[in-house]
Amino acid sequence: MELWQQNSFSESYTQGRLYLIPTPIGNLEDITYRSLRMLKEVDYIAAEDTRQTKKLCNYFDIATPLISYHEHNKEQSGRKIIDLLRDGKDIGLVSDAGMPSISDPGYEVVVEALEENLYVVPLPGANAALTALVASGLVSQPFYFYGFLDRQKKEKKKELERLKKLMDTFILYESPHRLKDTLSLMLEILGDRSIVVSRELTKKFEEFTRGSISDVLALYEEQGIKGECCIIIEGSGEEAKEEEEAWWKELSLLEHVQQVMDKDGCSSKEAIKQVSKERNIPKRDVYQAFHVE
């Protein structure tokens, strides 16, 4: 990244600013005074779903024109936003709920604006992950935010295998109709750890379900699930980390490479590189053991 400094409120800056404006994740009272002011002051609001944002604008008497920016038009609409910023127009970027670009559209247009040395100004506000984390009762720092897992079972398994190694608390988002399947895979791959499933955050029916993965899954097998879910998962801890690192110690170099190939479905070249890194030995030694010995 090229070195440059952004003085966000410099009076000498003449082009438009891209404001990242968080919106409530449920309770409309959670919007900040500053967010309301900026939504009224910007020239345009770029919205993930203009119909949803229009409801918010109507509630707070905001008359700012809306333009569409979502996953399926982000290239064309992103270019339009950049052109408007170049013309000196201020744009407020919002998602349907929460912070733009966190499991929502926004990242690409932010990168494009920064590449052209346009100012990007973030506002603080509502976020489901942090809201759930601080009430979870699990270790709140350090933590790792992952967001949504892949919808395909095969890919989801691979993602959970990688997350299994994390020592720290981690956070997932999940839709209600996929929650049970995801919990089943988590139990299979992560083991029976402590988790907290939060849903309907900040709304009238806000709910936190705390317990082991197996107990939470059993409960939801009997209950219906509504509302987007945020899952806080206990990390593996030091002991599990050491066990994970030690699995190969009784193996020869050849056996180690072969098991990595079988486990990860990778080529011998990739496996040799991984074994070299895990054992902290030269790659040529692993190559020699695999191809010659």
Protein backbone atom coordinates (compact mmCIF):
# COMPACT_ATOMS: atom_id res chain seq x y z
CA MET A 1 0.00 0.00 0.00
CA GLU A 2 1.35 3.40 -0.98
CA LEU A 3 2.10 5.78 1.90
CA TRP A 4 -0.28 8.71 2.32
CA GLN A 5 -2.03 10.47 5.19
CA GLN A 6 -5.72 11.25 5.42
CA ASN A 7 -6.65 14.22 7.58
CA SER A 8 -10.33 13.36 7.59
CA PHE A 9 -11.71 16.84 8.28
CA SER A 10 -9.16 18.99 6.48
CA GLU A 11 -10.77 22.14 5.06
CA SER A 12 -8.39 22.08 2.09
CA TYR A 13 -9.81 18.76 0.83
CA THR A 14 -12.21 19.51 -2.02
CA GLN A 15 -13.44 16.12 -3.17
CA GLY A 16 -16.28 14.15 -1.63
CA ARG A 17 -15.91 11.95 1.43
CA LEU A 18 -17.18 8.39 1.72
CA TYR A 19 -18.78 8.05 5.16
CA LEU A 20 -19.27 4.52 6.54
CA ILE A 21 -22.42 4.86 8.61
CA PRO A 22 -23.62 2.03 10.87
CA THR A 23 -27.37 1.53 11.25
CA PRO A 24 -29.30 -0.19 14.07
CA ILE A 25 -29.22 -4.00 14.15
CA GLY A 26 -32.74 -4.08 15.56
CA ASN A 27 -33.71 -1.34 17.99
CA LEU A 28 -33.91 1.97 16.13
CA GLU A 29 -32.95 3.86 19.30
CA ASP A 30 -29.40 2.52 18.87
CA ILE A 31 -28.58 4.93 16.04
CA THR A 32 -26.24 7.73 17.10
CA TYR A 33 -26.89 11.46 16.83
CA ARG A 34 -23.88 11.76 14.56
CA SER A 35 -25.12 9.01 12.23
CA LEU A 36 -28.48 10.75 11.93
CA ARG A 37 -26.79 14.08 11.21
CA MET A 38 -24.54 12.59 8.54
CA LEU A 39 -27.40 10.73 6.85
CA LYS A 40 -29.09 14.13 6.49
CA GLU A 41 -25.97 16.06 5.45
CA VAL A 42 -24.47 13.77 2.79
CA ASP A 43 -25.49 14.27 -0.82
CA TYR A 44 -26.44 10.61 -1.36
CA ILE A 45 -26.96 7.48 0.73
CA ALA A 46 -25.60 4.31 -0.89
CA ALA A 47 -27.76 1.49 0.48
CA GLU A 48 -27.56 -2.31 0.38
CA ASP A 49 -31.36 -2.43 0.04
CA THR A 50 -32.97 0.93 -0.73
CA ARG A 51 -36.37 -0.33 0.44
CA GLN A 52 -35.00 -1.22 3.87
CA THR A 53 -33.05 2.03 4.21
CA LYS A 54 -36.09 4.01 3.07
CA LYS A 55 -37.97 2.74 6.14
CA LEU A 56 -35.16 4.03 8.36
CA CYS A 57 -35.11 7.37 6.55
CA ASN A 58 -38.87 7.77 6.82
CA TYR A 59 -38.79 7.02 10.55
CA PHE A 60 -36.19 9.75 11.17
CA ASP A 61 -37.45 12.22 8.51
CA ILE A 62 -34.35 11.91 6.33
CA ALA A 63 -34.92 13.12 2.76
CA THR A 64 -31.45 12.38 1.30
CA PRO A 65 -31.60 10.65 -2.14
CA LEU A 66 -30.80 6.93 -2.13
CA ILE A 67 -28.67 5.00 -4.60
CA SER A 68 -28.31 1.22 -4.70
CA TYR A 69 -25.06 -0.53 -3.76
CA HIS A 70 -25.24 -4.27 -3.11
CA GLU A 71 -23.45 -7.54 -3.80
CA HIS A 72 -24.84 -7.95 -7.32
CA ASN A 73 -24.22 -4.43 -8.67
CA LYS A 74 -21.13 -3.45 -6.68
CA GLU A 75 -18.85 -3.06 -9.69
CA GLN A 76 -21.12 -0.73 -11.67
CA SER A 77 -22.53 1.09 -8.65
CA GLY A 78 -19.10 1.32 -7.05
CA ARG A 79 -17.81 3.18 -10.09
CA LYS A 80 -20.75 5.56 -9.87
CA ILE A 81 -19.96 6.25 -6.21
CA ILE A 82 -16.30 6.97 -7.04
CA ASP A 83 -17.37 9.37 -9.82
CA LEU A 84 -19.69 11.21 -7.43
CA LEU A 85 -16.91 11.50 -4.85
CA ARG A 86 -14.61 12.87 -7.54
CA ASP A 87 -17.28 15.48 -8.30
CA GLY A 88 -17.21 16.63 -4.69
CA LYS A 89 -20.33 14.79 -3.51
CA ASP A 90 -20.37 13.26 -0.04
CA ILE A 91 -21.72 9.69 0.12
CA GLY A 92 -23.01 7.85 3.18
CA LEU A 93 -22.61 4.08 2.78
CA VAL A 94 -24.99 1.92 4.83
CA SER A 95 -25.93 -1.76 5.04
CA ASP A 96 -29.34 -3.07 6.05
CA ALA A 97 -28.17 -3.36 9.65
CA GLY A 98 -24.92 -2.78 11.51
CA MET A 99 -21.53 -1.78 10.16
CA PRO A 100 -20.95 -1.62 6.38
CA SER A 101 -18.44 -4.17 4.99
CA ILE A 102 -18.70 -6.48 8.05
CA SER A 103 -20.40 -9.50 6.40
CA ASP A 104 -22.13 -6.86 4.26
CA PRO A 105 -21.24 -4.96 1.06
CA GLY A 106 -18.74 -2.12 1.28
CA TYR A 107 -15.20 -3.49 1.22
CA GLU A 108 -14.67 -3.16 -2.53
CA VAL A 109 -15.81 0.45 -2.80
CA VAL A 110 -13.68 1.39 0.23
CA VAL A 111 -10.60 -0.13 -1.44
CA GLU A 112 -11.40 1.60 -4.74
CA ALA A 113 -11.82 4.97 -3.00
CA LEU A 114 -8.53 4.61 -1.12
CA GLU A 115 -6.70 3.60 -4.29
CA GLU A 116 -7.72 6.97 -5.73
CA ASN A 117 -6.72 8.83 -2.52
CA LEU A 118 -10.32 9.67 -1.69
CA TYR A 119 -11.20 10.11 1.96
CA VAL A 120 -13.03 7.31 3.79
CA VAL A 121 -14.47 8.36 7.14
CA PRO A 122 -15.88 5.69 9.50
CA LEU A 123 -18.51 6.36 12.14
CA PRO A 124 -18.81 4.10 15.22
CA GLY A 125 -22.03 2.32 15.98
CA ALA A 126 -24.07 -0.87 16.22
CA ASN A 127 -22.42 -4.23 15.51
CA ALA A 128 -23.91 -7.65 16.24
CA ALA A 129 -20.60 -9.47 16.83
CA LEU A 130 -19.35 -7.19 19.61
CA THR A 131 -22.81 -6.87 21.16
CA ALA A 132 -23.04 -10.67 21.46
CA LEU A 133 -19.43 -11.13 22.56
CA VAL A 134 -19.50 -8.83 25.59
CA ALA A 135 -22.62 -10.55 26.97
CA SER A 136 -21.50 -14.09 26.19
CA GLY A 137 -19.54 -14.83 29.35
CA LEU A 138 -16.73 -16.32 27.24
CA VAL A 139 -13.27 -14.76 27.10
CA SER A 140 -13.77 -11.48 25.25
CA GLN A 141 -10.19 -10.82 24.21
CA PRO A 142 -8.39 -11.70 22.17
CA PHE A 143 -11.11 -12.86 19.82
CA TYR A 144 -11.41 -13.76 16.16
CA PHE A 145 -14.33 -12.70 13.95
CA TYR A 146 -15.07 -15.01 11.04
CA GLY A 147 -18.60 -14.13 9.93
CA PHE A 148 -20.67 -16.50 7.80
CA LEU A 149 -19.44 -20.00 6.99
CA ASP A 150 -19.79 -21.32 3.45
CA ARG A 151 -23.24 -22.71 2.66
CA GLN A 152 -21.83 -25.88 1.09
CA LYS A 153 -21.26 -28.66 3.64
CA LYS A 154 -17.88 -29.71 2.21
CA GLU A 155 -16.48 -26.18 2.34
CA LYS A 156 -18.05 -25.54 5.73
CA LYS A 157 -16.23 -28.58 7.11
CA LYS A 158 -12.91 -27.28 5.81
CA GLU A 159 -13.53 -23.88 7.41
CA LEU A 160 -14.37 -25.46 10.78
CA GLU A 161 -11.24 -27.63 10.58
CA ARG A 162 -9.18 -24.44 10.29
CA LEU A 163 -11.13 -22.66 13.04
CA LYS A 164 -10.69 -25.68 15.31
CA LYS A 165 -7.05 -24.72 15.83
CA LEU A 166 -7.82 -21.22 17.14
CA MET A 167 -6.88 -20.80 20.78
CA ASP A 168 -9.05 -17.70 21.15
CA THR A 169 -12.79 -17.13 21.28
CA PHE A 170 -14.23 -16.84 17.77
CA ILE A 171 -17.45 -15.49 16.32
CA LEU A 172 -19.71 -16.76 13.55
CA TYR A 173 -22.89 -15.47 11.96
CA GLU A 174 -25.54 -17.94 10.83
CA SER A 175 -29.06 -17.89 9.42
CA PRO A 176 -31.81 -19.59 11.47
CA HIS A 177 -32.59 -22.27 8.87
CA ARG A 178 -28.93 -23.43 8.73
CA LEU A 179 -28.21 -23.20 12.46
CA LYS A 180 -28.96 -26.83 13.42
CA ASP A 181 -26.82 -28.27 10.61
CA THR A 182 -23.98 -25.91 11.54
CA LEU A 183 -24.17 -26.87 15.22
CA SER A 184 -24.07 -30.57 14.27
CA LEU A 185 -20.90 -30.02 12.22
CA MET A 186 -19.38 -27.94 15.01
CA LEU A 187 -19.98 -30.77 17.49
CA GLU A 188 -18.39 -33.26 15.11
CA ILE A 189 -15.32 -31.17 14.28
CA LEU A 190 -14.72 -28.85 17.26
CA GLY A 191 -15.79 -31.20 20.02
CA ASP A 192 -18.28 -30.36 22.75
CA ARG A 193 -17.14 -26.85 23.66
CA SER A 194 -18.96 -24.03 25.38
CA ILE A 195 -20.87 -21.72 23.03
CA VAL A 196 -23.40 -18.91 23.17
CA VAL A 197 -26.04 -18.51 20.48
CA SER A 198 -27.59 -15.03 20.42
CA ARG A 199 -30.48 -14.02 18.22
CA GLU A 200 -32.85 -11.09 17.73
CA LEU A 201 -30.22 -8.84 19.31
CA THR A 202 -31.56 -5.52 20.67
CA LYS A 203 -35.12 -6.51 19.69
CA LYS A 204 -38.10 -7.38 21.91
CA PHE A 205 -37.40 -11.13 21.73
CA GLU A 206 -33.64 -10.93 22.23
CA GLU A 207 -32.33 -14.30 23.39
CA PHE A 208 -29.01 -15.76 24.58
CA THR A 209 -28.62 -19.54 24.77
CA ARG A 210 -25.53 -20.55 26.73
CA GLY A 211 -24.15 -24.07 27.18
CA SER A 212 -22.20 -26.87 25.51
CA ILE A 213 -22.65 -27.40 21.77
CA SER A 214 -24.48 -30.69 22.40
CA ASP A 215 -26.90 -29.15 24.92
CA VAL A 216 -27.64 -26.15 22.73
CA LEU A 217 -28.19 -28.39 19.70
CA ALA A 218 -30.55 -30.65 21.68
CA LEU A 219 -32.54 -27.62 22.80
CA TYR A 220 -32.90 -26.26 19.27
CA GLU A 221 -33.95 -29.69 18.00
CA GLU A 222 -37.09 -29.12 20.09
CA GLN A 223 -37.58 -25.40 19.43
CA GLY A 224 -38.16 -23.28 16.37
CA ILE A 225 -35.51 -20.70 15.49
CA LYS A 226 -36.21 -17.20 14.17
CA GLY A 227 -33.91 -14.30 13.47
CA GLU A 228 -30.27 -14.05 12.38
CA CYS A 229 -27.91 -15.69 14.85
CA CYS A 230 -24.52 -14.74 16.21
CA ILE A 231 -22.53 -17.63 17.70
CA ILE A 232 -19.70 -17.11 20.18
CA ILE A 233 -17.43 -20.19 20.43
CA GLU A 234 -14.87 -21.08 23.08
CA GLY A 235 -11.31 -21.30 21.74
CA SER A 236 -9.26 -24.49 21.77
CA GLY A 237 -6.95 -23.32 24.59
CA GLU A 238 -3.23 -23.99 25.10
CA GLU A 239 -3.60 -27.73 25.75
CA ALA A 240 -5.54 -28.37 22.55
CA LYS A 241 -3.01 -26.29 20.63
CA GLU A 242 -0.15 -28.42 21.92
CA GLU A 243 -1.98 -31.63 21.03
CA GLU A 244 -2.66 -30.32 17.54
CA GLU A 245 1.01 -29.53 17.02
CA ALA A 246 2.15 -32.90 18.38
CA TRP A 247 0.09 -35.22 16.18
CA TRP A 248 2.96 -35.85 13.73
CA LYS A 249 5.83 -36.37 16.20
CA GLU A 250 5.72 -40.18 16.02
CA LEU A 251 5.69 -40.14 12.20
CA SER A 252 8.63 -40.32 9.81
CA LEU A 253 9.04 -37.47 7.34
CA LEU A 254 7.62 -39.67 4.58
CA GLU A 255 4.58 -40.62 6.66
CA HIS A 256 4.07 -37.01 7.70
CA VAL A 257 3.98 -35.81 4.08
CA GLN A 258 1.64 -38.61 3.03
CA GLN A 259 -0.79 -37.88 5.88
CA VAL A 260 -0.86 -34.16 5.06
CA MET A 261 -1.65 -35.02 1.42
CA ASP A 262 -4.46 -37.35 2.49
CA LYS A 263 -5.85 -35.01 5.15
CA ASP A 264 -5.81 -31.75 3.13
CA GLY A 265 -6.13 -33.20 -0.39
CA CYS A 266 -3.08 -31.24 -1.53
CA SER A 267 -0.14 -32.00 -3.82
CA SER A 268 3.17 -33.43 -2.61
CA LYS A 269 4.80 -30.04 -3.26
CA GLU A 270 2.30 -28.27 -0.97
CA ALA A 271 2.54 -31.02 1.66
CA ILE A 272 6.36 -30.86 1.70
CA LYS A 273 6.18 -27.11 2.23
CA GLN A 274 3.73 -27.55 5.13
CA VAL A 275 5.78 -30.31 6.78
CA SER A 276 8.90 -28.17 6.50
CA LYS A 277 7.09 -25.34 8.26
CA GLU A 278 5.54 -27.54 10.98
CA ARG A 279 8.85 -29.21 11.84
CA ASN A 280 10.95 -26.09 11.30
CA ILE A 281 13.43 -27.96 9.10
CA PRO A 282 14.76 -27.19 5.59
CA LYS A 283 12.39 -28.04 2.76
CA ARG A 284 15.17 -29.95 0.95
CA ASP A 285 15.35 -32.43 3.87
CA VAL A 286 11.65 -33.20 3.56
CA TYR A 287 11.94 -33.42 -0.25
CA GLN A 288 14.83 -35.86 0.09
CA ALA A 289 12.89 -38.07 2.52
CA PHE A 290 9.79 -38.13 0.33
CA HIS A 291 11.31 -38.48 -3.17
CA VAL A 292 14.56 -40.35 -2.53
CA GLU A 293 14.40 -42.39 0.65
